[in-house]
Amino acid sequence: MAPIDRHVVAREWQARGFSCDLWVDPPGQVWEDYRHAVDELVMLVEGRLELEFGRRCVRPEPGEEILIPAGMSHTVRNIGGTCAKWLYGYSR
């Protein structure tokens, strides 16, 4: 798989009305029960993440885009032994 170009993703997301920023989590980091007033996109760049929302629990592959609907409680876990890098964006 080719490396993920953050700038290309940012342009695509911007055209769809989303921001795009990079987040880096250390091994074992957990963000529990977050809610946002707007839709959120998440795309794994490097490492291993587990996202739990609604009745879903997903472990995305790098480059896989996940949409978390506005108002939905969600948890993000770094389940790998290294830092996880992921892109996230919120709808405007």
Protein backbone atom coordinates (compact mmCIF):
# COMPACT_ATOMS: atom_id res chain seq x y z
CA MET A 1 0.00 0.00 0.00
CA ALA A 2 1.24 3.48 -0.90
CA PRO A 3 1.86 5.93 1.94
CA ILE A 4 -1.12 8.11 2.83
CA ASP A 5 -0.65 11.66 1.60
CA ARG A 6 -2.15 13.88 4.29
CA HIS A 7 -2.45 16.83 1.89
CA VAL A 8 -4.43 14.81 -0.65
CA VAL A 9 -6.78 13.55 2.07
CA ALA A 10 -7.15 17.10 3.42
CA ARG A 11 -8.15 18.41 -0.03
CA GLU A 12 -10.68 15.60 -0.49
CA TRP A 13 -12.17 16.10 2.96
CA GLN A 14 -12.26 19.89 2.54
CA ALA A 15 -14.21 19.46 -0.70
CA ARG A 16 -16.72 17.42 1.32
CA GLY A 17 -16.93 20.05 4.08
CA PHE A 18 -14.56 18.51 6.66
CA SER A 19 -11.43 19.75 8.38
CA CYS A 20 -8.35 17.49 8.50
CA ASP A 21 -5.71 17.30 11.22
CA LEU A 22 -3.15 14.74 12.35
CA TRP A 23 -3.29 13.13 15.80
CA VAL A 24 -0.58 10.97 17.38
CA ASP A 25 -1.31 8.68 20.35
CA PRO A 26 1.19 6.70 22.42
CA PRO A 27 0.72 2.95 22.88
CA GLY A 28 -2.24 2.17 25.13
CA GLN A 29 -3.92 5.59 24.80
CA VAL A 30 -7.71 5.43 25.18
CA TRP A 31 -10.21 8.21 24.47
CA GLU A 32 -13.49 7.09 26.04
CA ASP A 33 -17.07 8.15 25.43
CA TYR A 34 -16.58 11.28 23.34
CA ARG A 35 -19.43 13.03 21.52
CA HIS A 36 -19.26 15.84 19.00
CA ALA A 37 -22.05 18.06 17.72
CA VAL A 38 -20.91 17.40 14.13
CA ASP A 39 -19.92 14.38 12.02
CA GLU A 40 -16.32 13.20 12.41
CA LEU A 41 -14.08 11.39 9.92
CA VAL A 42 -11.16 9.24 11.10
CA MET A 43 -8.46 7.66 8.92
CA LEU A 44 -5.63 5.55 10.30
CA VAL A 45 -2.24 6.52 8.87
CA GLU A 46 0.07 4.29 10.91
CA GLY A 47 -0.26 1.86 13.82
CA ARG A 48 -3.34 0.04 15.12
CA LEU A 49 -6.60 1.61 16.31
CA GLU A 50 -9.88 0.25 17.55
CA LEU A 51 -12.97 2.46 17.28
CA GLU A 52 -16.16 1.62 19.11
CA PHE A 53 -19.40 3.48 18.32
CA GLY A 54 -23.01 2.54 18.06
CA ARG A 55 -23.02 -1.23 17.97
CA ARG A 56 -19.82 -1.35 15.93
CA CYS A 57 -16.26 -2.11 16.92
CA VAL A 58 -13.84 -1.62 14.02
CA ARG A 59 -10.10 -1.96 13.57
CA PRO A 60 -9.44 0.07 10.43
CA GLU A 61 -6.60 -0.58 8.04
CA PRO A 62 -4.37 2.36 7.10
CA GLY A 63 -6.21 4.53 4.58
CA GLU A 64 -9.66 3.26 5.59
CA GLU A 65 -12.07 6.09 6.30
CA ILE A 66 -14.52 5.81 9.21
CA LEU A 67 -17.49 8.17 9.65
CA ILE A 68 -18.73 8.76 13.19
CA PRO A 69 -22.13 10.48 13.06
CA ALA A 70 -22.79 13.65 15.05
CA GLY A 71 -23.89 13.05 18.63
CA MET A 72 -22.76 9.41 18.71
CA SER A 73 -20.70 8.31 21.70
CA HIS A 74 -17.41 6.81 20.59
CA THR A 75 -14.18 5.42 22.02
CA VAL A 76 -10.81 5.28 20.27
CA ARG A 77 -8.04 2.97 21.47
CA ASN A 78 -4.44 2.58 20.35
CA ILE A 79 -4.20 -1.21 20.49
CA GLY A 80 -0.72 -1.44 18.97
CA GLY A 81 2.68 -1.47 20.60
CA THR A 82 3.76 1.72 18.81
CA CYS A 83 2.43 5.24 18.37
CA ALA A 84 -0.73 5.45 16.28
CA LYS A 85 -1.03 8.28 13.77
CA TRP A 86 -4.47 9.14 12.44
CA LEU A 87 -6.23 11.87 10.58
CA TYR A 88 -9.45 13.28 11.95
CA GLY A 89 -11.82 15.93 10.69
CA TYR A 90 -15.09 17.55 11.67
CA SER A 91 -17.86 18.66 9.36
CA ARG A 92 -18.40 22.38 9.09
